């Protein structure tokens, strides 16, 4: 096929010229945490890595996190009509309302760690196309949703936690990962929100049907994103790219966000260098994809469906602590 120049042209241009890490700031923070000359610094393990990562992508040494935010994008999927989830499609809107009311688990973690929380309702009353028979989104709709996702970095934030809400999203994530990393539906589907063996078989069949229907079009990452992704997938992609441009480090939460990361890395190998994986869900494909992408989770609490955003919010607390440790070490080095 011939990939049209529009409307993805701007995103192709953007992803080909992403800013690089600030290695000088990274090295400065490394020196702060190493201790004074002739002394052994504290053995802080991956805490040092997190502090260096913050400095590399914010350009601040020592690093600081002054305004962290969790952004959850909610979407519904036409493929859900194939009986791939034990939850009704209406459960997505219920989850959004629960967050809005302050009752979700992520609300409490955000309060504990002083994190902002935004939940984006992406036309829940209009599910995307059934990926087994049509594209989830047309090019214009996908690009517009990516642009909308870029709003997640508005307001001067300096740490972004990205996740999703959506019935059927684990099947869609499996399809996108199969398109980007290879394999069949059986290689990527898992229990999701509680699927039994028969439902998991239907999930795998749906993924295989989508791969067969879209065929060679899926070798183009942006095409794959719009054909077998969804609105929350497109919005997360836009948020990841905007965060890179704005020098905002990103914590990825959940199976869907990791599938988006795989698509962006396929488009540009360095596109997700500013991202870290917050944790792993019980989905077998989540750990498999993380390994293939070289992403090691910061936490391992096996948080699954119902805990959307929780792993990233918890990891954000650890990242904020790492920044304070580096700041303290920098202050001590001056004395």
C-alpha atoms as a PDB file:
ATOM      1  CA  UNK A   1       0.000   0.000   0.000  1.00  0.00           C
ATOM      2  CA  UNK A   2       0.962   3.646  -0.270  1.00  0.00           C
ATOM      3  CA  UNK A   3       0.744   5.398   3.086  1.00  0.00           C
ATOM      4  CA  UNK A   4      -0.997   8.728   2.641  1.00  0.00           C
ATOM      5  CA  UNK A   5       0.963  11.848   3.525  1.00  0.00           C
ATOM      6  CA  UNK A   6      -1.887  13.158   5.663  1.00  0.00           C
ATOM      7  CA  UNK A   7      -2.968  13.301   8.398  1.00  0.00           C
ATOM      8  CA  UNK A   8      -0.079  11.391  10.002  1.00  0.00           C
ATOM      9  CA  UNK A   9       2.552  13.482   8.256  1.00  0.00           C
ATOM     10  CA  UNK A  10       3.030  15.839  11.197  1.00  0.00           C
ATOM     11  CA  UNK A  11       3.516  12.945  13.591  1.00  0.00           C
ATOM     12  CA  UNK A  12       6.034  11.256  11.314  1.00  0.00           C
ATOM     13  CA  UNK A  13       7.984  14.501  11.203  1.00  0.00           C
ATOM     14  CA  UNK A  14       7.722  14.923  14.968  1.00  0.00           C
ATOM     15  CA  UNK A  15       8.884  11.418  15.799  1.00  0.00           C
ATOM     16  CA  UNK A  16      11.875  11.691  13.469  1.00  0.00           C
ATOM     17  CA  UNK A  17      13.269  14.729  15.313  1.00  0.00           C
ATOM     18  CA  UNK A  18      12.680  14.058  19.002  1.00  0.00           C
ATOM     19  CA  UNK A  19      14.966  15.798  21.528  1.00  0.00           C
ATOM     20  CA  UNK A  20      17.722  13.717  23.091  1.00  0.00           C
ATOM     21  CA  UNK A  21      18.538  13.136  26.749  1.00  0.00           C
ATOM     22  CA  UNK A  22      20.636  15.646  28.674  1.00  0.00           C
ATOM     23  CA  UNK A  23      23.664  13.498  29.464  1.00  0.00           C
ATOM     24  CA  UNK A  24      25.446  16.292  31.335  1.00  0.00           C
ATOM     25  CA  UNK A  25      22.591  16.646  33.839  1.00  0.00           C
ATOM     26  CA  UNK A  26      22.439  12.876  34.132  1.00  0.00           C
ATOM     27  CA  UNK A  27      26.161  12.701  34.944  1.00  0.00           C
ATOM     28  CA  UNK A  28      25.866  15.475  37.516  1.00  0.00           C
ATOM     29  CA  UNK A  29      23.164  13.607  39.393  1.00  0.00           C
ATOM     30  CA  UNK A  30      25.221  10.434  39.227  1.00  0.00           C
ATOM     31  CA  UNK A  31      28.107  12.285  40.852  1.00  0.00           C
ATOM     32  CA  UNK A  32      25.856  13.668  43.609  1.00  0.00           C
ATOM     33  CA  UNK A  33      24.687  10.190  44.561  1.00  0.00           C
ATOM     34  CA  UNK A  34      28.191   8.714  44.384  1.00  0.00           C
ATOM     35  CA  UNK A  35      29.245  10.630  47.503  1.00  0.00           C
ATOM     36  CA  UNK A  36      32.266  12.820  48.192  1.00  0.00           C
ATOM     37  CA  UNK A  37      35.668  11.917  46.744  1.00  0.00           C
ATOM     38  CA  UNK A  38      37.292   9.160  48.790  1.00  0.00           C
ATOM     39  CA  UNK A  39      33.978   8.065  50.278  1.00  0.00           C
ATOM     40  CA  UNK A  40      31.644   5.306  49.234  1.00  0.00           C
ATOM     41  CA  UNK A  41      28.194   6.598  48.408  1.00  0.00           C
ATOM     42  CA  UNK A  42      25.086   4.802  49.665  1.00  0.00           C
ATOM     43  CA  UNK A  43      24.128   1.611  47.859  1.00  0.00           C
ATOM     44  CA  UNK A  44      20.812   2.805  46.487  1.00  0.00           C
ATOM     45  CA  UNK A  45      20.456   0.434  43.540  1.00  0.00           C
ATOM     46  CA  UNK A  46      17.737   1.422  41.096  1.00  0.00           C
ATOM     47  CA  UNK A  47      17.005   4.594  43.062  1.00  0.00           C
ATOM     48  CA  UNK A  48      20.149   6.046  41.471  1.00  0.00           C
ATOM     49  CA  UNK A  49      18.920   4.939  38.060  1.00  0.00           C
ATOM     50  CA  UNK A  50      15.580   6.693  38.612  1.00  0.00           C
ATOM     51  CA  UNK A  51      17.245   9.922  39.711  1.00  0.00           C
ATOM     52  CA  UNK A  52      19.572   9.856  36.703  1.00  0.00           C
ATOM     53  CA  UNK A  53      16.621   9.177  34.408  1.00  0.00           C
ATOM     54  CA  UNK A  54      14.787  12.203  35.782  1.00  0.00           C
ATOM     55  CA  UNK A  55      17.791  14.436  35.215  1.00  0.00           C
ATOM     56  CA  UNK A  56      18.404  13.092  31.726  1.00  0.00           C
ATOM     57  CA  UNK A  57      14.888  13.904  30.542  1.00  0.00           C
ATOM     58  CA  UNK A  58      14.131  17.075  32.509  1.00  0.00           C
ATOM     59  CA  UNK A  59      17.613  18.602  32.212  1.00  0.00           C
ATOM     60  CA  UNK A  60      17.640  19.365  35.950  1.00  0.00           C
ATOM     61  CA  UNK A  61      20.478  18.315  38.252  1.00  0.00           C
ATOM     62  CA  UNK A  62      19.695  17.512  40.926  1.00  0.00           C
ATOM     63  CA  UNK A  63      16.293  16.387  39.661  1.00  0.00           C
ATOM     64  CA  UNK A  64      12.996  17.486  41.159  1.00  0.00           C
ATOM     65  CA  UNK A  65       9.354  16.538  40.738  1.00  0.00           C
ATOM     66  CA  UNK A  66       7.155  19.525  41.449  1.00  0.00           C
ATOM     67  CA  UNK A  67       3.991  18.687  39.550  1.00  0.00           C
ATOM     68  CA  UNK A  68       3.319  15.041  38.736  1.00  0.00           C
ATOM     69  CA  UNK A  69       0.131  13.913  37.066  1.00  0.00           C
ATOM     70  CA  UNK A  70      -1.702  10.680  36.322  1.00  0.00           C
ATOM     71  CA  UNK A  71      -3.623  10.753  33.031  1.00  0.00           C
ATOM     72  CA  UNK A  72      -6.101   7.969  32.246  1.00  0.00           C
ATOM     73  CA  UNK A  73      -7.724   7.753  28.822  1.00  0.00           C
ATOM     74  CA  UNK A  74     -11.031   5.901  28.522  1.00  0.00           C
ATOM     75  CA  UNK A  75     -12.343   4.377  25.304  1.00  0.00           C
ATOM     76  CA  UNK A  76     -14.704   1.666  24.081  1.00  0.00           C
ATOM     77  CA  UNK A  77     -14.139  -0.903  21.362  1.00  0.00           C
ATOM     78  CA  UNK A  78     -16.360  -2.388  18.686  1.00  0.00           C
ATOM     79  CA  UNK A  79     -14.566  -5.725  18.974  1.00  0.00           C
ATOM     80  CA  UNK A  80     -16.176  -6.160  22.402  1.00  0.00           C
ATOM     81  CA  UNK A  81     -19.303  -7.438  20.611  1.00  0.00           C
ATOM     82  CA  UNK A  82     -17.541 -10.774  20.093  1.00  0.00           C
ATOM     83  CA  UNK A  83     -17.849 -11.705  23.766  1.00  0.00           C
ATOM     84  CA  UNK A  84     -14.207 -11.068  24.649  1.00  0.00           C
ATOM     85  CA  UNK A  85     -14.808  -9.569  28.100  1.00  0.00           C
ATOM     86  CA  UNK A  86     -16.914 -10.595  31.090  1.00  0.00           C
ATOM     87  CA  UNK A  87     -17.723  -6.908  31.624  1.00  0.00           C
ATOM     88  CA  UNK A  88     -20.366  -4.991  29.676  1.00  0.00           C
ATOM     89  CA  UNK A  89     -19.232  -2.026  27.609  1.00  0.00           C
ATOM     90  CA  UNK A  90     -21.043   0.233  30.076  1.00  0.00           C
ATOM     91  CA  UNK A  91     -18.415  -0.672  32.688  1.00  0.00           C
ATOM     92  CA  UNK A  92     -16.006   1.810  31.085  1.00  0.00           C
ATOM     93  CA  UNK A  93     -18.292   4.741  31.839  1.00  0.00           C
ATOM     94  CA  UNK A  94     -18.882   3.346  35.328  1.00  0.00           C
ATOM     95  CA  UNK A  95     -15.119   3.315  35.957  1.00  0.00           C
ATOM     96  CA  UNK A  96     -14.806   6.903  34.745  1.00  0.00           C
ATOM     97  CA  UNK A  97     -17.604   8.008  37.058  1.00  0.00           C
ATOM     98  CA  UNK A  98     -16.041   6.124  39.972  1.00  0.00           C
ATOM     99  CA  UNK A  99     -12.781   8.020  39.457  1.00  0.00           C
ATOM    100  CA  UNK A 100     -14.661  11.301  39.151  1.00  0.00           C
ATOM    101  CA  UNK A 101     -16.360  10.567  42.471  1.00  0.00           C
ATOM    102  CA  UNK A 102     -12.981   9.939  44.116  1.00  0.00           C
ATOM    103  CA  UNK A 103     -13.700   6.321  44.947  1.00  0.00           C
ATOM    104  CA  UNK A 104     -11.184   4.469  42.772  1.00  0.00           C
ATOM    105  CA  UNK A 105      -7.952   3.059  44.135  1.00  0.00           C
ATOM    106  CA  UNK A 106      -5.917   5.439  41.980  1.00  0.00           C
ATOM    107  CA  UNK A 107      -7.641   8.410  43.643  1.00  0.00           C
ATOM    108  CA  UNK A 108      -6.292   7.377  47.020  1.00  0.00           C
ATOM    109  CA  UNK A 109      -2.741   6.799  45.785  1.00  0.00           C
ATOM    110  CA  UNK A 110      -2.751  10.206  44.095  1.00  0.00           C
ATOM    111  CA  UNK A 111      -3.753  11.815  47.392  1.00  0.00           C
ATOM    112  CA  UNK A 112      -1.030   9.910  49.244  1.00  0.00           C
ATOM    113  CA  UNK A 113       1.702  11.044  46.843  1.00  0.00           C
ATOM    114  CA  UNK A 114       0.369  14.518  45.964  1.00  0.00           C
ATOM    115  CA  UNK A 115      -0.311  13.665  42.322  1.00  0.00           C
ATOM    116  CA  UNK A 116      -2.778  15.294  39.984  1.00  0.00           C
ATOM    117  CA  UNK A 117      -5.338  13.052  38.279  1.00  0.00           C
ATOM    118  CA  UNK A 118      -7.144  13.602  34.994  1.00  0.00           C
ATOM    119  CA  UNK A 119      -9.505  11.110  33.356  1.00  0.00           C
ATOM    120  CA  UNK A 120     -10.304  11.688  29.679  1.00  0.00           C
ATOM    121  CA  UNK A 121     -13.625  10.352  28.325  1.00  0.00           C
ATOM    122  CA  UNK A 122     -12.989   9.583  24.644  1.00  0.00           C
ATOM    123  CA  UNK A 123     -16.480   9.368  23.106  1.00  0.00           C
ATOM    124  CA  UNK A 124     -17.534   6.344  25.154  1.00  0.00           C
ATOM    125  CA  UNK A 125     -20.939   6.333  23.492  1.00  0.00           C
ATOM    126  CA  UNK A 126     -19.304   5.696  20.101  1.00  0.00           C
ATOM    127  CA  UNK A 127     -17.183   2.515  20.207  1.00  0.00           C
ATOM    128  CA  UNK A 128     -14.398   2.231  17.663  1.00  0.00           C
ATOM    129  CA  UNK A 129     -14.783   0.021  14.621  1.00  0.00           C
ATOM    130  CA  UNK A 130     -14.695  -3.747  15.051  1.00  0.00           C
ATOM    131  CA  UNK A 131     -11.057  -4.485  14.270  1.00  0.00           C
ATOM    132  CA  UNK A 132     -11.903  -7.958  12.939  1.00  0.00           C
ATOM    133  CA  UNK A 133     -13.859  -6.382  10.062  1.00  0.00           C
ATOM    134  CA  UNK A 134     -12.776  -2.742   9.745  1.00  0.00           C
ATOM    135  CA  UNK A 135     -10.283  -0.198  11.022  1.00  0.00           C
ATOM    136  CA  UNK A 136     -10.790   0.981  14.565  1.00  0.00           C
ATOM    137  CA  UNK A 137     -10.364   4.597  13.424  1.00  0.00           C
ATOM    138  CA  UNK A 138      -9.886   6.443  10.178  1.00  0.00           C
ATOM    139  CA  UNK A 139      -6.637   8.345   9.718  1.00  0.00           C
ATOM    140  CA  UNK A 140      -8.115  11.735  10.499  1.00  0.00           C
ATOM    141  CA  UNK A 141      -9.835  10.485  13.646  1.00  0.00           C
ATOM    142  CA  UNK A 142      -6.700   8.739  14.893  1.00  0.00           C
ATOM    143  CA  UNK A 143      -4.504  11.784  14.298  1.00  0.00           C
ATOM    144  CA  UNK A 144      -7.035  14.068  15.976  1.00  0.00           C
ATOM    145  CA  UNK A 145      -7.153  11.780  19.016  1.00  0.00           C
ATOM    146  CA  UNK A 146      -3.355  11.712  19.181  1.00  0.00           C
ATOM    147  CA  UNK A 147      -3.394  15.514  19.155  1.00  0.00           C
ATOM    148  CA  UNK A 148      -5.993  15.496  21.919  1.00  0.00           C
ATOM    149  CA  UNK A 149      -3.797  13.182  23.983  1.00  0.00           C
ATOM    150  CA  UNK A 150      -1.048  15.773  23.859  1.00  0.00           C
ATOM    151  CA  UNK A 151      -3.146  17.873  26.232  1.00  0.00           C
ATOM    152  CA  UNK A 152      -2.071  15.527  29.022  1.00  0.00           C
ATOM    153  CA  UNK A 153       1.177  17.482  29.389  1.00  0.00           C
ATOM    154  CA  UNK A 154      -0.515  20.870  29.699  1.00  0.00           C
ATOM    155  CA  UNK A 155      -0.105  22.902  32.862  1.00  0.00           C
ATOM    156  CA  UNK A 156       3.625  22.667  33.463  1.00  0.00           C
ATOM    157  CA  UNK A 157       3.809  19.086  34.720  1.00  0.00           C
ATOM    158  CA  UNK A 158       7.228  17.453  35.122  1.00  0.00           C
ATOM    159  CA  UNK A 159       6.274  13.764  35.528  1.00  0.00           C
ATOM    160  CA  UNK A 160       3.486  12.031  33.595  1.00  0.00           C
ATOM    161  CA  UNK A 161       1.865   8.708  34.488  1.00  0.00           C
ATOM    162  CA  UNK A 162      -0.112   7.227  31.581  1.00  0.00           C
ATOM    163  CA  UNK A 163      -2.816   4.584  31.700  1.00  0.00           C
ATOM    164  CA  UNK A 164      -6.197   3.642  30.287  1.00  0.00           C
ATOM    165  CA  UNK A 165      -9.733   2.496  31.012  1.00  0.00           C
ATOM    166  CA  UNK A 166     -11.739   0.404  28.585  1.00  0.00           C
ATOM    167  CA  UNK A 167     -13.682  -2.837  28.205  1.00  0.00           C
ATOM    168  CA  UNK A 168     -11.960  -5.015  25.603  1.00  0.00           C
ATOM    169  CA  UNK A 169      -8.678  -3.107  25.737  1.00  0.00           C
ATOM    170  CA  UNK A 170      -6.574  -6.156  26.608  1.00  0.00           C
ATOM    171  CA  UNK A 171      -7.681  -7.814  23.351  1.00  0.00           C
ATOM    172  CA  UNK A 172      -6.891  -4.661  21.402  1.00  0.00           C
ATOM    173  CA  UNK A 173      -3.504  -4.398  23.117  1.00  0.00           C
ATOM    174  CA  UNK A 174      -2.807  -8.024  22.179  1.00  0.00           C
ATOM    175  CA  UNK A 175      -3.642  -7.281  18.546  1.00  0.00           C
ATOM    176  CA  UNK A 176      -1.358  -4.248  18.449  1.00  0.00           C
ATOM    177  CA  UNK A 177       1.484  -6.154  20.092  1.00  0.00           C
ATOM    178  CA  UNK A 178       1.075  -9.052  17.674  1.00  0.00           C
ATOM    179  CA  UNK A 179       1.270  -6.566  14.802  1.00  0.00           C
ATOM    180  CA  UNK A 180       4.391  -4.879  16.202  1.00  0.00           C
ATOM    181  CA  UNK A 181       6.270  -7.766  17.818  1.00  0.00           C
ATOM    182  CA  UNK A 182       4.990 -10.786  15.893  1.00  0.00           C
ATOM    183  CA  UNK A 183       3.065 -13.881  16.856  1.00  0.00           C
ATOM    184  CA  UNK A 184      -0.592 -14.862  16.933  1.00  0.00           C
ATOM    185  CA  UNK A 185      -3.468 -14.091  19.238  1.00  0.00           C
ATOM    186  CA  UNK A 186      -2.663 -17.066  21.459  1.00  0.00           C
ATOM    187  CA  UNK A 187       0.803 -15.613  22.068  1.00  0.00           C
ATOM    188  CA  UNK A 188      -0.551 -12.356  23.487  1.00  0.00           C
ATOM    189  CA  UNK A 189      -4.017 -12.732  25.006  1.00  0.00           C
ATOM    190  CA  UNK A 190      -4.558 -13.265  28.725  1.00  0.00           C
ATOM    191  CA  UNK A 191      -7.402 -13.332  31.239  1.00  0.00           C
ATOM    192  CA  UNK A 192      -7.940  -9.570  31.175  1.00  0.00           C
ATOM    193  CA  UNK A 193     -10.784  -8.767  33.555  1.00  0.00           C
ATOM    194  CA  UNK A 194     -11.450 -12.430  34.325  1.00  0.00           C
ATOM    195  CA  UNK A 195     -11.925 -14.308  31.047  1.00  0.00           C
ATOM    196  CA  UNK A 196     -12.335 -18.082  31.282  1.00  0.00           C
ATOM    197  CA  UNK A 197     -10.754 -20.519  28.809  1.00  0.00           C
ATOM    198  CA  UNK A 198     -13.579 -20.213  26.283  1.00  0.00           C
ATOM    199  CA  UNK A 199     -13.472 -16.425  26.382  1.00  0.00           C
ATOM    200  CA  UNK A 200      -9.687 -16.390  26.029  1.00  0.00           C
ATOM    201  CA  UNK A 201     -10.091 -18.554  22.928  1.00  0.00           C
ATOM    202  CA  UNK A 202     -12.513 -15.974  21.509  1.00  0.00           C
ATOM    203  CA  UNK A 203     -10.011 -13.229  22.318  1.00  0.00           C
ATOM    204  CA  UNK A 204      -7.281 -15.073  20.429  1.00  0.00           C
ATOM    205  CA  UNK A 205      -9.630 -15.669  17.495  1.00  0.00           C
ATOM    206  CA  UNK A 206     -10.505 -11.970  17.383  1.00  0.00           C
ATOM    207  CA  UNK A 207      -6.828 -10.995  17.328  1.00  0.00           C
ATOM    208  CA  UNK A 208      -6.078 -13.484  14.545  1.00  0.00           C
ATOM    209  CA  UNK A 209      -9.069 -12.268  12.545  1.00  0.00           C
ATOM    210  CA  UNK A 210      -7.855  -8.673  12.893  1.00  0.00           C
ATOM    211  CA  UNK A 211      -4.323  -9.598  11.806  1.00  0.00           C
ATOM    212  CA  UNK A 212      -5.675 -11.456   8.769  1.00  0.00           C
ATOM    213  CA  UNK A 213      -8.102  -8.694   7.780  1.00  0.00           C
ATOM    214  CA  UNK A 214      -5.593  -5.826   7.946  1.00  0.00           C
ATOM    215  CA  UNK A 215      -2.661  -7.866   6.652  1.00  0.00           C
ATOM    216  CA  UNK A 216       0.378  -6.008   5.374  1.00  0.00           C
ATOM    217  CA  UNK A 217      -1.020  -2.633   6.405  1.00  0.00           C
ATOM    218  CA  UNK A 218       0.029  -3.437   9.956  1.00  0.00           C
ATOM    219  CA  UNK A 219       3.734  -3.197   9.183  1.00  0.00           C
ATOM    220  CA  UNK A 220       3.362   0.600   9.291  1.00  0.00           C
ATOM    221  CA  UNK A 221       3.226   1.583  13.010  1.00  0.00           C
ATOM    222  CA  UNK A 222       0.833   4.519  12.706  1.00  0.00           C
ATOM    223  CA  UNK A 223      -1.405   2.480  10.416  1.00  0.00           C
ATOM    224  CA  UNK A 224      -1.380  -0.363  12.947  1.00  0.00           C
ATOM    225  CA  UNK A 225      -2.240   2.076  15.721  1.00  0.00           C
ATOM    226  CA  UNK A 226      -5.319   3.370  13.931  1.00  0.00           C
ATOM    227  CA  UNK A 227      -6.404   0.024  12.441  1.00  0.00           C
ATOM    228  CA  UNK A 228      -6.158  -2.298  15.464  1.00  0.00           C
ATOM    229  CA  UNK A 229      -5.839   0.242  18.289  1.00  0.00           C
ATOM    230  CA  UNK A 230      -8.464   2.533  19.737  1.00  0.00           C
ATOM    231  CA  UNK A 231      -9.034   6.059  20.951  1.00  0.00           C
ATOM    232  CA  UNK A 232      -7.253   5.584  24.268  1.00  0.00           C
ATOM    233  CA  UNK A 233      -4.328   3.985  22.431  1.00  0.00           C
ATOM    234  CA  UNK A 234      -4.052   6.937  20.050  1.00  0.00           C
ATOM    235  CA  UNK A 235      -4.339   9.437  22.902  1.00  0.00           C
ATOM    236  CA  UNK A 236      -1.593   7.697  24.870  1.00  0.00           C
ATOM    237  CA  UNK A 237       0.640   7.814  21.792  1.00  0.00           C
ATOM    238  CA  UNK A 238       0.099  11.560  21.504  1.00  0.00           C
ATOM    239  CA  UNK A 239       0.786  12.047  25.207  1.00  0.00           C
ATOM    240  CA  UNK A 240       4.062  10.105  25.033  1.00  0.00           C
ATOM    241  CA  UNK A 241       5.292  12.183  22.100  1.00  0.00           C
ATOM    242  CA  UNK A 242       4.220  15.484  23.642  1.00  0.00           C
ATOM    243  CA  UNK A 243       5.946  14.552  26.890  1.00  0.00           C
ATOM    244  CA  UNK A 244       9.188  13.936  25.023  1.00  0.00           C
ATOM    245  CA  UNK A 245       9.020  17.325  23.310  1.00  0.00           C
ATOM    246  CA  UNK A 246       8.217  19.055  26.620  1.00  0.00           C
ATOM    247  CA  UNK A 247      11.003  17.209  28.508  1.00  0.00           C
ATOM    248  CA  UNK A 248       8.585  15.321  30.747  1.00  0.00           C
ATOM    249  CA  UNK A 249       9.550  11.789  31.861  1.00  0.00           C
ATOM    250  CA  UNK A 250       6.779   9.191  31.521  1.00  0.00           C
ATOM    251  CA  UNK A 251       5.705   6.234  33.643  1.00  0.00           C
ATOM    252  CA  UNK A 252       3.709   3.658  31.656  1.00  0.00           C
ATOM    253  CA  UNK A 253       0.826   1.886  33.381  1.00  0.00           C
ATOM    254  CA  UNK A 254      -0.902  -1.204  32.034  1.00  0.00           C
ATOM    255  CA  UNK A 255      -0.996  -3.476  29.017  1.00  0.00           C
ATOM    256  CA  UNK A 256      -2.452  -0.902  26.616  1.00  0.00           C
ATOM    257  CA  UNK A 257       0.185   1.752  27.314  1.00  0.00           C
ATOM    258  CA  UNK A 258       2.928  -0.804  26.713  1.00  0.00           C
ATOM    259  CA  UNK A 259       1.359  -1.795  23.389  1.00  0.00           C
ATOM    260  CA  UNK A 260       1.371   1.861  22.354  1.00  0.00           C
ATOM    261  CA  UNK A 261       5.018   2.122  23.388  1.00  0.00           C
ATOM    262  CA  UNK A 262       5.799  -0.858  21.130  1.00  0.00           C
ATOM    263  CA  UNK A 263       4.174   0.888  18.172  1.00  0.00           C
ATOM    264  CA  UNK A 264       6.069   4.131  18.772  1.00  0.00           C
ATOM    265  CA  UNK A 265       9.366   2.302  19.123  1.00  0.00           C
ATOM    266  CA  UNK A 266       8.679   0.512  15.849  1.00  0.00           C
ATOM    267  CA  UNK A 267       8.228   3.923  14.226  1.00  0.00           C
ATOM    268  CA  UNK A 268      11.392   5.349  15.836  1.00  0.00           C
ATOM    269  CA  UNK A 269      13.766   3.214  17.970  1.00  0.00           C
ATOM    270  CA  UNK A 270      14.435   6.047  20.447  1.00  0.00           C
ATOM    271  CA  UNK A 271      10.823   7.229  20.783  1.00  0.00           C
ATOM    272  CA  UNK A 272      10.241   5.725  24.237  1.00  0.00           C
ATOM    273  CA  UNK A 273      13.659   6.334  25.791  1.00  0.00           C
ATOM    274  CA  UNK A 274      12.067   8.835  28.193  1.00  0.00           C
ATOM    275  CA  UNK A 275       9.560   6.215  29.388  1.00  0.00           C
ATOM    276  CA  UNK A 276       9.800   3.720  32.226  1.00  0.00           C
ATOM    277  CA  UNK A 277       7.480   0.840  32.998  1.00  0.00           C
ATOM    278  CA  UNK A 278       5.687   1.294  36.315  1.00  0.00           C
ATOM    279  CA  UNK A 279       4.712  -2.332  36.874  1.00  0.00           C
ATOM    280  CA  UNK A 280       3.416  -5.544  35.346  1.00  0.00           C
ATOM    281  CA  UNK A 281      -0.173  -6.748  35.260  1.00  0.00           C
ATOM    282  CA  UNK A 282      -1.122 -10.451  35.445  1.00  0.00           C
ATOM    283  CA  UNK A 283      -1.408 -10.505  31.640  1.00  0.00           C
ATOM    284  CA  UNK A 284       1.281 -12.942  30.378  1.00  0.00           C
ATOM    285  CA  UNK A 285       1.767 -10.782  27.303  1.00  0.00           C
ATOM    286  CA  UNK A 286       2.635  -7.791  29.469  1.00  0.00           C
ATOM    287  CA  UNK A 287       5.805  -9.373  30.832  1.00  0.00           C
ATOM    288  CA  UNK A 288       6.668 -10.812  27.418  1.00  0.00           C
ATOM    289  CA  UNK A 289       6.369  -7.450  25.675  1.00  0.00           C
ATOM    290  CA  UNK A 290       8.289  -5.682  28.434  1.00  0.00           C
ATOM    291  CA  UNK A 291      11.148  -8.118  27.966  1.00  0.00           C
ATOM    292  CA  UNK A 292      11.172  -7.670  24.208  1.00  0.00           C
ATOM    293  CA  UNK A 293      11.191  -3.889  24.600  1.00  0.00           C
ATOM    294  CA  UNK A 294      13.900  -3.965  27.277  1.00  0.00           C
ATOM    295  CA  UNK A 295      11.696  -2.348  29.917  1.00  0.00           C
ATOM    296  CA  UNK A 296      12.141  -3.481  33.513  1.00  0.00           C
ATOM    297  CA  UNK A 297       9.218  -2.661  35.834  1.00  0.00           C
ATOM    298  CA  UNK A 298       9.909  -0.343  38.750  1.00  0.00           C
ATOM    299  CA  UNK A 299       7.407  -2.234  40.919  1.00  0.00           C
ATOM    300  CA  UNK A 300       6.000  -5.763  40.830  1.00  0.00           C
ATOM    301  CA  UNK A 301       2.650  -5.754  42.601  1.00  0.00           C
ATOM    302  CA  UNK A 302       0.761  -7.652  39.814  1.00  0.00           C
ATOM    303  CA  UNK A 303      -1.989  -5.024  39.731  1.00  0.00           C
ATOM    304  CA  UNK A 304      -4.646  -5.986  37.195  1.00  0.00           C
ATOM    305  CA  UNK A 305      -8.017  -4.775  35.979  1.00  0.00           C
ATOM    306  CA  UNK A 306      -9.692  -2.407  38.400  1.00  0.00           C
ATOM    307  CA  UNK A 307      -6.374  -0.905  39.405  1.00  0.00           C
ATOM    308  CA  UNK A 308      -5.913   1.277  36.364  1.00  0.00           C
ATOM    309  CA  UNK A 309      -3.288   3.923  37.073  1.00  0.00           C
ATOM    310  CA  UNK A 310      -2.392   2.514  40.487  1.00  0.00           C
ATOM    311  CA  UNK A 311       0.983   1.025  39.527  1.00  0.00           C
ATOM    312  CA  UNK A 312       2.140   4.272  37.911  1.00  0.00           C
ATOM    313  CA  UNK A 313       0.869   6.376  40.818  1.00  0.00           C
ATOM    314  CA  UNK A 314       2.713   4.151  43.292  1.00  0.00           C
ATOM    315  CA  UNK A 315       5.856   4.260  41.149  1.00  0.00           C
ATOM    316  CA  UNK A 316       5.579   8.050  40.974  1.00  0.00           C
ATOM    317  CA  UNK A 317       5.895   8.155  44.757  1.00  0.00           C
ATOM    318  CA  UNK A 318       9.139   6.191  44.532  1.00  0.00           C
ATOM    319  CA  UNK A 319      10.409   8.456  41.741  1.00  0.00           C
ATOM    320  CA  UNK A 320       9.639  11.549  43.810  1.00  0.00           C
ATOM    321  CA  UNK A 321      11.573  10.028  46.704  1.00  0.00           C
ATOM    322  CA  UNK A 322      14.526   9.342  44.385  1.00  0.00           C
ATOM    323  CA  UNK A 323      14.522  13.009  43.361  1.00  0.00           C
ATOM    324  CA  UNK A 324      14.572  14.128  47.002  1.00  0.00           C
ATOM    325  CA  UNK A 325      17.443  11.753  47.769  1.00  0.00           C
ATOM    326  CA  UNK A 326      19.461  13.251  44.922  1.00  0.00           C
ATOM    327  CA  UNK A 327      18.663  16.784  46.073  1.00  0.00           C
ATOM    328  CA  UNK A 328      19.736  15.943  49.591  1.00  0.00           C
ATOM    329  CA  UNK A 329      22.968  14.417  48.346  1.00  0.00           C
ATOM    330  CA  UNK A 330      23.658  17.497  46.233  1.00  0.00           C
ATOM    331  CA  UNK A 331      23.096  19.790  49.214  1.00  0.00           C
ATOM    332  CA  UNK A 332      25.380  17.674  51.400  1.00  0.00           C
ATOM    333  CA  UNK A 333      28.105  17.744  48.741  1.00  0.00           C
ATOM    334  CA  UNK A 334      28.295  21.538  49.072  1.00  0.00           C
ATOM    335  CA  UNK A 335      29.144  21.307  52.784  1.00  0.00           C
END
